[in-house]
Amino acid sequence: MEKCIPVDRLARPDNWVVLRSRQVREIREEQGLEGGRPMPFDEETLRSRLHGIYTGELQAMEAAGRTLFDFPDAPWE
């Protein structure tokens, strides 16, 4: 790689917080939310699943953008 983008300069909103799944589980338990096996169509479960899909899509776009940035002469095909 010729150029390196520091992690703190990646395209993310300033109000986003990165947490490990263990931290999320602990916070959910402190709030009295179910930490075990959630119901598959529970609103909170669906929200969490959608957030996971959304996060994965953002990471894929960041990786694609990073590849284009690192290799500007690469063919787009």
N, C-alpha and C. Protein backbone atom coordinates (compact mmCIF):
# COMPACT_ATOMS: atom_id res chain seq x y z
N MET A 1 0.84 -1.18 0.00
CA MET A 1 0.00 0.00 0.00
C MET A 1 0.89 1.24 0.00
N GLU A 2 0.55 2.13 -0.87
CA GLU A 2 1.32 3.36 -0.94
C GLU A 2 0.83 4.40 0.06
N LYS A 3 -0.48 4.44 0.27
CA LYS A 3 -1.08 5.44 1.15
C LYS A 3 -1.81 4.72 2.26
N CYS A 4 -1.86 5.33 3.42
CA CYS A 4 -2.54 4.71 4.55
C CYS A 4 -3.50 5.71 5.17
N ILE A 5 -4.75 5.31 5.35
CA ILE A 5 -5.75 6.16 5.98
C ILE A 5 -5.85 5.73 7.45
N PRO A 6 -5.60 6.64 8.39
CA PRO A 6 -5.75 6.28 9.80
C PRO A 6 -7.20 5.89 10.13
N VAL A 7 -7.37 5.01 11.09
CA VAL A 7 -8.70 4.52 11.46
C VAL A 7 -9.63 5.67 11.85
N ASP A 8 -9.10 6.67 12.53
CA ASP A 8 -9.95 7.77 12.99
C ASP A 8 -10.40 8.69 11.85
N ARG A 9 -9.90 8.48 10.63
CA ARG A 9 -10.31 9.31 9.50
C ARG A 9 -11.22 8.57 8.52
N LEU A 10 -11.66 7.37 8.89
CA LEU A 10 -12.57 6.63 8.03
C LEU A 10 -13.93 7.33 7.99
N ALA A 11 -14.67 7.11 6.94
CA ALA A 11 -15.95 7.79 6.75
C ALA A 11 -17.03 7.20 7.65
N ARG A 12 -17.12 7.74 8.85
CA ARG A 12 -18.15 7.33 9.81
C ARG A 12 -18.66 8.58 10.52
N PRO A 13 -19.94 8.60 10.85
CA PRO A 13 -20.46 9.75 11.60
C PRO A 13 -19.74 9.87 12.96
N ASP A 14 -19.60 11.09 13.43
CA ASP A 14 -18.90 11.34 14.70
C ASP A 14 -19.61 10.75 15.91
N ASN A 15 -20.92 10.57 15.81
CA ASN A 15 -21.67 10.09 16.98
C ASN A 15 -21.73 8.56 17.08
N TRP A 16 -21.05 7.82 16.21
CA TRP A 16 -21.03 6.37 16.28
C TRP A 16 -20.04 5.91 17.34
N VAL A 17 -20.42 4.87 18.05
CA VAL A 17 -19.56 4.30 19.09
C VAL A 17 -19.33 2.83 18.74
N VAL A 18 -18.07 2.40 18.79
CA VAL A 18 -17.75 1.01 18.49
C VAL A 18 -17.67 0.23 19.80
N LEU A 19 -18.47 -0.84 19.89
CA LEU A 19 -18.50 -1.67 21.09
C LEU A 19 -18.29 -3.13 20.71
N ARG A 20 -17.69 -3.88 21.60
CA ARG A 20 -17.56 -5.32 21.41
C ARG A 20 -18.89 -5.96 21.81
N SER A 21 -19.16 -7.15 21.26
CA SER A 21 -20.44 -7.81 21.53
C SER A 21 -20.61 -8.10 23.02
N ARG A 22 -19.50 -8.38 23.71
CA ARG A 22 -19.57 -8.63 25.16
C ARG A 22 -20.08 -7.38 25.88
N GLN A 23 -19.60 -6.20 25.47
CA GLN A 23 -20.04 -4.96 26.09
C GLN A 23 -21.53 -4.73 25.83
N VAL A 24 -21.96 -5.02 24.61
CA VAL A 24 -23.39 -4.85 24.28
C VAL A 24 -24.23 -5.78 25.14
N ARG A 25 -23.80 -7.03 25.30
CA ARG A 25 -24.52 -8.00 26.13
C ARG A 25 -24.63 -7.50 27.56
N GLU A 26 -23.52 -6.96 28.12
CA GLU A 26 -23.53 -6.45 29.49
C GLU A 26 -24.48 -5.26 29.63
N ILE A 27 -24.47 -4.38 28.66
CA ILE A 27 -25.36 -3.21 28.70
C ILE A 27 -26.81 -3.66 28.64
N ARG A 28 -27.11 -4.63 27.77
CA ARG A 28 -28.48 -5.15 27.67
C ARG A 28 -28.93 -5.76 29.00
N GLU A 29 -28.03 -6.49 29.66
CA GLU A 29 -28.38 -7.09 30.95
C GLU A 29 -28.62 -6.01 32.01
N GLU A 30 -27.79 -4.95 32.01
CA GLU A 30 -27.98 -3.85 32.97
C GLU A 30 -29.33 -3.16 32.76
N GLN A 31 -29.79 -3.09 31.50
CA GLN A 31 -31.05 -2.45 31.19
C GLN A 31 -32.25 -3.38 31.39
N GLY A 32 -31.97 -4.62 31.78
CA GLY A 32 -33.05 -5.57 32.02
C GLY A 32 -33.58 -6.22 30.75
N LEU A 33 -32.83 -6.11 29.66
CA LEU A 33 -33.25 -6.74 28.41
C LEU A 33 -32.74 -8.17 28.37
N GLU A 34 -33.40 -9.00 27.59
CA GLU A 34 -33.01 -10.40 27.51
C GLU A 34 -31.61 -10.52 26.91
N GLY A 35 -30.76 -11.26 27.58
CA GLY A 35 -29.42 -11.48 27.07
C GLY A 35 -29.24 -12.86 26.50
N GLY A 36 -30.21 -13.75 26.74
CA GLY A 36 -30.12 -15.13 26.28
C GLY A 36 -30.57 -15.28 24.84
N ARG A 37 -31.38 -16.30 24.62
CA ARG A 37 -31.87 -16.56 23.26
C ARG A 37 -33.09 -15.69 22.99
N PRO A 38 -32.97 -14.71 22.11
CA PRO A 38 -34.12 -13.86 21.80
C PRO A 38 -35.09 -14.57 20.86
N MET A 39 -36.32 -14.10 20.85
CA MET A 39 -37.32 -14.62 19.93
C MET A 39 -36.94 -14.16 18.51
N PRO A 40 -37.08 -15.02 17.50
CA PRO A 40 -36.60 -14.67 16.16
C PRO A 40 -37.29 -13.46 15.53
N PHE A 41 -38.56 -13.21 15.88
CA PHE A 41 -39.25 -12.08 15.27
C PHE A 41 -39.54 -10.97 16.27
N ASP A 42 -38.83 -10.97 17.37
CA ASP A 42 -38.92 -9.90 18.36
C ASP A 42 -38.38 -8.62 17.71
N GLU A 43 -39.01 -7.49 17.98
CA GLU A 43 -38.60 -6.23 17.36
C GLU A 43 -37.13 -5.91 17.63
N GLU A 44 -36.69 -6.12 18.85
CA GLU A 44 -35.30 -5.83 19.20
C GLU A 44 -34.33 -6.76 18.46
N THR A 45 -34.72 -8.03 18.29
CA THR A 45 -33.89 -8.98 17.57
C THR A 45 -33.78 -8.59 16.10
N LEU A 46 -34.90 -8.22 15.50
CA LEU A 46 -34.88 -7.80 14.10
C LEU A 46 -34.06 -6.53 13.92
N ARG A 47 -34.18 -5.61 14.86
CA ARG A 47 -33.40 -4.38 14.79
C ARG A 47 -31.91 -4.69 14.88
N SER A 48 -31.54 -5.58 15.78
CA SER A 48 -30.14 -5.96 15.94
C SER A 48 -29.61 -6.65 14.69
N ARG A 49 -30.42 -7.55 14.11
CA ARG A 49 -30.00 -8.26 12.90
C ARG A 49 -29.83 -7.28 11.74
N LEU A 50 -30.77 -6.37 11.57
CA LEU A 50 -30.67 -5.38 10.50
C LEU A 50 -29.44 -4.50 10.70
N HIS A 51 -29.16 -4.13 11.93
CA HIS A 51 -27.96 -3.32 12.21
C HIS A 51 -26.70 -4.09 11.83
N GLY A 52 -26.67 -5.40 12.11
CA GLY A 52 -25.51 -6.21 11.74
C GLY A 52 -25.32 -6.27 10.23
N ILE A 53 -26.42 -6.42 9.50
CA ILE A 53 -26.35 -6.44 8.03
C ILE A 53 -25.86 -5.09 7.51
N TYR A 54 -26.43 -4.03 8.05
CA TYR A 54 -26.04 -2.67 7.66
C TYR A 54 -24.56 -2.42 7.91
N THR A 55 -24.07 -2.85 9.06
CA THR A 55 -22.66 -2.67 9.40
C THR A 55 -21.77 -3.43 8.42
N GLY A 56 -22.16 -4.65 8.08
CA GLY A 56 -21.40 -5.43 7.12
C GLY A 56 -21.34 -4.77 5.75
N GLU A 57 -22.47 -4.20 5.32
CA GLU A 57 -22.50 -3.51 4.03
C GLU A 57 -21.59 -2.28 4.05
N LEU A 58 -21.61 -1.53 5.15
CA LEU A 58 -20.73 -0.37 5.24
C LEU A 58 -19.26 -0.78 5.21
N GLN A 59 -18.92 -1.86 5.90
CA GLN A 59 -17.54 -2.33 5.89
C GLN A 59 -17.12 -2.78 4.50
N ALA A 60 -18.03 -3.40 3.76
CA ALA A 60 -17.71 -3.81 2.38
C ALA A 60 -17.46 -2.59 1.50
N MET A 61 -18.28 -1.55 1.66
CA MET A 61 -18.07 -0.33 0.87
C MET A 61 -16.75 0.34 1.24
N GLU A 62 -16.42 0.37 2.53
CA GLU A 62 -15.15 0.95 2.96
C GLU A 62 -13.98 0.17 2.38
N ALA A 63 -14.09 -1.16 2.37
CA ALA A 63 -13.02 -1.99 1.81
C ALA A 63 -12.85 -1.74 0.31
N ALA A 64 -13.97 -1.62 -0.40
CA ALA A 64 -13.91 -1.35 -1.84
C ALA A 64 -13.30 0.02 -2.10
N GLY A 65 -13.72 1.01 -1.33
CA GLY A 65 -13.15 2.35 -1.48
C GLY A 65 -11.68 2.38 -1.15
N ARG A 66 -11.31 1.65 -0.12
CA ARG A 66 -9.89 1.59 0.28
C ARG A 66 -9.05 0.95 -0.82
N THR A 67 -9.58 -0.10 -1.45
CA THR A 67 -8.86 -0.75 -2.54
C THR A 67 -8.66 0.21 -3.71
N LEU A 68 -9.70 0.94 -4.07
CA LEU A 68 -9.58 1.93 -5.14
C LEU A 68 -8.59 3.03 -4.78
N PHE A 69 -8.56 3.42 -3.52
CA PHE A 69 -7.64 4.47 -3.07
C PHE A 69 -6.20 3.96 -3.12
N ASP A 70 -5.98 2.72 -2.68
CA ASP A 70 -4.62 2.17 -2.64
C ASP A 70 -4.07 1.84 -4.02
N PHE A 71 -4.97 1.48 -4.95
CA PHE A 71 -4.54 1.09 -6.30
C PHE A 71 -5.31 1.89 -7.34
N PRO A 72 -4.98 3.19 -7.48
CA PRO A 72 -5.75 4.06 -8.40
C PRO A 72 -5.62 3.67 -9.86
N ASP A 73 -4.56 2.97 -10.25
CA ASP A 73 -4.37 2.59 -11.65
C ASP A 73 -4.98 1.22 -11.98
N ALA A 74 -5.58 0.56 -11.02
CA ALA A 74 -6.17 -0.76 -11.25
C ALA A 74 -7.38 -0.62 -12.17
N PRO A 75 -7.61 -1.61 -13.05
CA PRO A 75 -8.79 -1.53 -13.91
C PRO A 75 -10.08 -1.69 -13.09
N TRP A 76 -11.09 -0.95 -13.44
CA TRP A 76 -12.35 -0.97 -12.70
C TRP A 76 -13.11 -2.28 -12.88
N GLU A 77 -12.85 -2.98 -13.96
CA GLU A 77 -13.53 -4.24 -14.19
C GLU A 77 -13.15 -5.25 -13.15
